[in-house]
Protein backbone atom coordinates (compact mmCIF):
# COMPACT_ATOMS: atom_id res chain seq x y z
CA MET A 1 15.46 85.62 62.94
CA GLY A 2 16.99 88.82 64.29
CA THR A 3 17.19 91.95 62.20
CA SER A 4 20.98 91.85 62.22
CA LYS A 5 20.92 88.54 60.33
CA LEU A 6 18.62 89.64 57.51
CA ASP A 7 20.12 89.26 54.04
CA GLU A 8 20.33 92.72 52.51
CA SER A 9 21.92 93.31 49.12
CA LYS A 10 24.49 96.04 49.10
CA THR A 11 26.17 98.11 46.47
CA LYS A 12 29.69 99.47 46.86
CA LEU A 13 29.83 103.26 46.56
CA THR A 14 33.44 104.04 47.40
CA ALA A 15 36.10 102.33 49.44
CA GLY A 16 34.64 101.53 52.85
CA THR A 17 31.05 102.60 52.16
CA GLU A 18 28.10 100.51 51.08
CA LYS A 19 24.53 101.33 50.15
CA ILE A 20 21.60 98.94 50.38
CA LYS A 21 19.86 98.64 47.01
CA PRO A 22 16.14 99.41 47.24
CA THR A 23 13.79 96.43 46.96
CA TYR A 24 10.55 96.49 44.99
CA ILE A 25 7.61 94.11 44.84
CA SER A 26 5.56 94.08 41.64
CA LEU A 27 2.12 92.55 41.35
CA VAL A 28 1.76 91.50 37.72
CA GLN A 29 -1.33 90.82 35.62
CA PHE A 30 -1.26 89.40 32.11
CA THR A 31 -2.93 91.47 29.41
CA ASP A 32 -5.00 89.71 26.74
CA LYS A 33 -1.82 89.58 24.62
CA GLY A 34 0.16 88.16 27.55
CA ILE A 35 -2.32 85.38 28.29
CA GLN A 36 -2.39 84.43 24.62
CA ASN A 37 1.40 84.04 24.80
CA ALA A 38 1.47 82.45 28.26
CA LYS A 39 3.61 79.53 27.10
CA GLN A 40 6.51 81.97 26.63
CA THR A 41 6.19 83.67 30.03
CA THR A 42 9.28 82.08 31.59
CA GLN A 43 11.39 82.92 28.53
CA ARG A 44 10.12 86.52 28.55
CA VAL A 45 11.05 86.91 32.21
CA ALA A 46 14.53 85.46 31.63
CA ALA A 47 15.12 87.78 28.66
CA TRP A 48 13.88 90.81 30.63
CA ALA A 49 16.07 89.92 33.63
CA ALA A 50 19.14 89.68 31.40
CA LYS A 51 18.32 92.97 29.67
CA VAL A 52 17.86 95.01 32.86
CA GLN A 53 20.85 93.52 34.67
CA SER A 54 23.11 95.99 32.85
CA MET A 55 21.11 98.79 34.53
CA GLY A 56 21.86 97.41 37.99
CA VAL A 57 18.48 95.66 38.37
CA THR A 58 18.43 92.20 39.93
CA ILE A 59 15.42 89.89 39.93
CA LYS A 60 15.53 88.31 43.38
CA GLN A 61 12.51 86.07 42.82
CA MET A 62 9.63 85.64 40.39
CA TYR A 63 6.53 83.70 41.36
CA TRP A 64 3.68 82.67 39.09
CA THR A 65 0.52 82.84 41.17
CA LEU A 66 -3.15 81.92 41.28
CA GLY A 67 -5.80 84.52 41.95
CA GLN A 68 -6.06 88.21 41.07
CA TYR A 69 -2.40 88.50 40.05
CA ASP A 70 -0.56 86.21 37.66
CA GLN A 71 2.94 86.91 38.95
CA VAL A 72 4.74 88.47 41.88
CA CYS A 73 8.20 89.82 41.15
CA ILE A 74 10.70 90.80 43.84
CA PHE A 75 13.59 92.84 42.48
CA GLU A 76 16.24 95.36 43.41
CA ALA A 77 17.22 98.48 41.53
CA PRO A 78 19.72 101.25 42.20
CA ASP A 79 16.95 103.86 42.61
CA ASP A 80 13.26 104.63 42.00
CA GLU A 81 13.93 106.16 38.59
CA THR A 82 15.67 103.01 37.33
CA ALA A 83 12.90 100.81 38.74
CA ALA A 84 10.26 102.96 37.03
CA SER A 85 12.09 102.91 33.69
CA VAL A 86 12.46 99.11 33.55
CA LEU A 87 8.83 98.64 34.61
CA LEU A 88 7.66 101.03 31.91
CA ALA A 89 9.76 99.15 29.35
CA ALA A 90 8.22 95.83 30.45
CA ASP A 91 4.68 97.23 30.38
CA MET A 92 5.23 98.78 26.94
CA LEU A 93 5.80 95.31 25.46
CA GLY A 94 2.06 94.77 26.01
CA ASN A 95 2.12 91.41 27.81
CA ILE A 96 1.69 92.66 31.39
CA ARG A 97 0.45 95.45 33.62
CA THR A 98 2.15 96.04 36.94
CA GLN A 99 1.50 97.55 40.35
CA THR A 100 4.76 98.11 42.20
CA MET A 101 5.54 98.87 45.81
CA ARG A 102 8.80 99.95 47.39
CA ALA A 103 9.69 97.50 50.16
CA PHE A 104 11.84 98.25 53.20
CA THR A 105 14.07 95.93 55.23
CA ALA A 106 14.02 96.03 59.03
CA SER A 107 17.19 98.16 59.13
CA GLU A 108 15.75 100.59 56.57
CA MET A 109 12.55 100.81 58.62
CA ASP A 110 14.59 101.49 61.75
CA LYS A 111 16.17 104.50 59.97
CA ILE A 112 12.74 105.73 58.89
CA LEU A 113 11.38 105.38 62.42
CA ALA A 114 14.35 107.25 63.82
CA LYS A 115 13.25 110.27 61.72
CA VAL A 116 9.66 110.24 62.97
CA PRO A 117 9.13 113.41 65.03
């Protein structure tokens, strides 16, 4: 697949301009409280996704996984500050702990590389 065909979410800024929303990947681990309430995990994710949608955050995909991490969440947010605030809110509920990385599309990486001296 060529880089020009990659699906990149965009946000309208003003007439004729668009901005790609940053993508984030969170590695999620259940806390003791979270594992005790594991049967509600899908409902908690759905409720969280609905709550943060009003802040411009979109859950692109949530995976429940085997191994060191219990979930992998791929989401978009308008900016780093918004991403950090919704992650803090999720962590403060006490069911999960997260490690989050900012992810870059091929076109975003091309712009970064163009700035390398």
